[in-house]
Amino acid sequence: MRVAILTISDSVARGERMDLSGPALVQRCRELGWEVTATLRCSDDPGNVRSQLRELADSRRVDLLLTTGGTGLGPRDNTPEATLDVAERNIPGLAEEMRRRGVEKTPTALLSRGVVVSRHRTLILNLPGSPKGAVESLDAIAHLLPHALEVLHGARHD
């Protein structure tokens, strides 16, 4: 599975804060045996987020695009809206499962507004901005992603 990771954060994009979630996701993806093909950063500006998502998904060089950051209630948290703007299909069950499993350890996980969508042959997952939240959310559905991608790429649902 080819994976790109996009950290969405004004302070990380400006170099004012170190990106901790992106590297945590890289490590977890490698532990799962997935190939990380790109790691990028962008600001919380919705236009920048949409542009990065389109470019990565439309390149057809990644199967899975993980975003980290911008899923909360803050005024600059625009990731879910930008993701829905570029989506072809919404996959609500995966986002619901991430929240359901997250609340078992962190009650505020219910405040995450992250979505899971597809664009062309790429799944796009919005993950929280904290390293712990990002990895735990990915782990909640990681076992489902290979099958989801097979079906997205044309395999039968057996």
Protein backbone atom coordinates (compact mmCIF):
# COMPACT_ATOMS: atom_id res chain seq x y z
CA MET A 1 0.00 0.00 0.00
CA ARG A 2 1.42 3.38 -1.03
CA VAL A 3 0.76 6.09 1.56
CA ALA A 4 1.17 9.87 1.61
CA ILE A 5 0.97 11.83 4.87
CA LEU A 6 -0.11 15.48 4.93
CA THR A 7 0.30 17.46 8.15
CA ILE A 8 -2.14 20.37 8.20
CA SER A 9 -1.07 23.07 10.64
CA ASP A 10 -0.39 26.79 10.37
CA SER A 11 2.38 26.68 12.98
CA VAL A 12 4.08 23.62 11.47
CA ALA A 13 3.86 25.10 7.96
CA ARG A 14 5.50 28.32 9.23
CA GLY A 15 8.23 26.37 11.01
CA GLU A 16 7.16 27.62 14.45
CA ARG A 17 6.35 24.17 15.78
CA MET A 18 7.84 20.78 15.11
CA ASP A 19 5.67 18.23 13.31
CA LEU A 20 5.22 15.29 15.68
CA SER A 21 2.12 13.64 14.18
CA GLY A 22 3.49 13.20 10.67
CA PRO A 23 6.58 11.26 11.83
CA ALA A 24 4.45 9.19 14.26
CA LEU A 25 2.23 8.17 11.34
CA VAL A 26 5.24 7.39 9.15
CA GLN A 27 6.57 5.07 11.83
CA ARG A 28 3.21 3.34 12.30
CA CYS A 29 2.68 2.88 8.56
CA ARG A 30 6.12 1.30 8.21
CA GLU A 31 5.35 -1.03 11.15
CA LEU A 32 2.23 -2.09 9.24
CA GLY A 33 4.37 -2.83 6.17
CA TRP A 34 3.03 0.08 4.15
CA GLU A 35 5.22 2.17 1.85
CA VAL A 36 5.30 5.88 2.73
CA THR A 37 5.89 7.68 -0.56
CA ALA A 38 5.47 11.30 0.54
CA THR A 39 5.30 13.46 3.66
CA LEU A 40 4.12 17.02 3.23
CA ARG A 41 2.99 20.00 5.30
CA CYS A 42 0.54 22.77 4.55
CA SER A 43 -1.26 25.55 6.35
CA ASP A 44 -4.85 25.33 7.56
CA ASP A 45 -6.00 27.50 4.66
CA PRO A 46 -8.84 25.56 2.95
CA GLY A 47 -7.54 26.40 -0.53
CA ASN A 48 -4.11 25.02 0.31
CA VAL A 49 -5.61 21.87 1.81
CA ARG A 50 -7.86 21.28 -1.23
CA SER A 51 -4.94 21.84 -3.59
CA GLN A 52 -2.67 19.37 -1.78
CA LEU A 53 -5.40 16.73 -1.55
CA ARG A 54 -6.25 17.04 -5.25
CA GLU A 55 -2.62 16.93 -6.31
CA LEU A 56 -1.83 13.83 -4.27
CA ALA A 57 -5.02 11.90 -5.10
CA ASP A 58 -4.99 12.87 -8.77
CA SER A 59 -1.35 11.80 -9.19
CA ARG A 60 -2.51 8.19 -8.80
CA ARG A 61 0.80 7.51 -7.02
CA VAL A 62 -0.82 6.91 -3.61
CA ASP A 63 -3.49 4.50 -2.47
CA LEU A 64 -4.00 6.04 0.96
CA LEU A 65 -3.70 9.70 1.92
CA LEU A 66 -3.55 10.37 5.64
CA THR A 67 -4.07 13.90 6.88
CA THR A 68 -3.25 14.92 10.43
CA GLY A 69 -4.54 18.12 12.00
CA GLY A 70 -7.36 20.56 11.47
CA THR A 71 -10.18 18.24 12.56
CA GLY A 72 -11.22 19.98 15.78
CA LEU A 73 -13.56 22.84 16.59
CA GLY A 74 -11.08 25.70 16.30
CA PRO A 75 -11.67 28.59 13.91
CA ARG A 76 -8.80 27.44 11.63
CA ASP A 77 -9.80 23.74 11.65
CA ASN A 78 -10.86 23.36 8.02
CA THR A 79 -9.64 19.90 7.10
CA PRO A 80 -13.00 18.05 6.98
CA GLU A 81 -14.67 20.73 4.84
CA ALA A 82 -11.71 20.89 2.42
CA THR A 83 -11.67 17.10 2.21
CA LEU A 84 -15.38 16.89 1.45
CA ASP A 85 -14.91 19.56 -1.24
CA VAL A 86 -12.55 17.24 -3.19
CA ALA A 87 -14.31 13.95 -2.40
CA GLU A 88 -16.11 11.77 -4.88
CA ARG A 89 -17.61 9.54 -2.18
CA ASN A 90 -18.01 9.77 1.57
CA ILE A 91 -17.26 6.66 3.68
CA PRO A 92 -18.85 7.59 7.02
CA GLY A 93 -18.52 4.20 8.73
CA LEU A 94 -14.73 4.41 8.92
CA ALA A 95 -14.78 7.88 10.50
CA GLU A 96 -17.49 6.74 12.90
CA GLU A 97 -15.39 3.74 13.95
CA MET A 98 -12.34 5.93 14.59
CA ARG A 99 -14.42 8.13 16.90
CA ARG A 100 -16.10 5.15 18.58
CA ARG A 101 -12.78 3.50 19.36
CA GLY A 102 -11.15 6.81 20.29
CA VAL A 103 -13.71 7.64 22.95
CA GLU A 104 -12.78 4.41 24.78
CA LYS A 105 -9.47 6.08 25.75
CA THR A 106 -10.14 9.78 25.24
CA PRO A 107 -13.68 11.16 25.81
CA THR A 108 -12.95 14.27 23.73
CA ALA A 109 -12.44 12.06 20.65
CA LEU A 110 -16.13 12.68 19.95
CA LEU A 111 -15.22 16.28 19.12
CA SER A 112 -13.11 15.18 16.16
CA ARG A 113 -14.82 16.06 12.88
CA GLY A 114 -12.54 14.00 10.66
CA VAL A 115 -14.01 12.34 7.58
CA VAL A 116 -13.00 9.45 5.33
CA VAL A 117 -13.60 9.79 1.60
CA SER A 118 -12.43 8.50 -1.74
CA ARG A 119 -11.18 10.44 -4.72
CA HIS A 120 -10.42 8.39 -7.82
CA ARG A 121 -8.58 5.33 -6.49
CA THR A 122 -7.30 7.00 -3.31
CA LEU A 123 -8.76 6.82 0.20
CA ILE A 124 -8.36 10.03 2.19
CA LEU A 125 -8.48 9.76 5.99
CA ASN A 126 -8.58 12.80 8.29
CA LEU A 127 -6.78 12.02 11.54
CA PRO A 128 -6.42 14.16 14.68
CA GLY A 129 -3.43 16.46 15.07
CA SER A 130 -1.94 14.85 18.17
CA PRO A 131 0.53 12.01 17.57
CA LYS A 132 -1.32 9.71 19.98
CA GLY A 133 -4.74 10.52 18.51
CA ALA A 134 -3.52 10.16 14.94
CA VAL A 135 -1.95 6.74 15.50
CA GLU A 136 -4.82 5.42 17.63
CA SER A 137 -7.35 6.55 15.03
CA LEU A 138 -5.41 4.87 12.24
CA ASP A 139 -5.06 1.69 14.29
CA ALA A 140 -8.83 1.60 14.84
CA ILE A 141 -9.44 0.93 11.14
CA ALA A 142 -6.05 -0.16 9.73
CA HIS A 143 -7.19 -3.77 9.41
CA LEU A 144 -10.05 -2.67 7.11
CA LEU A 145 -8.01 -0.50 4.75
CA PRO A 146 -6.41 -3.18 2.52
CA HIS A 147 -9.86 -4.63 1.72
CA ALA A 148 -11.39 -1.18 1.27
CA LEU A 149 -8.67 -0.32 -1.24
CA GLU A 150 -9.07 -3.60 -3.09
CA VAL A 151 -12.76 -2.89 -3.54
CA LEU A 152 -12.09 0.74 -4.49
CA HIS A 153 -9.68 -0.56 -7.14
CA GLY A 154 -12.33 -2.87 -8.59
CA ALA A 155 -12.22 -6.14 -6.62
CA ARG A 156 -15.49 -7.85 -5.81
CA HIS A 157 -17.08 -7.50 -2.38
CA ASP A 158 -17.06 -11.14 -1.21
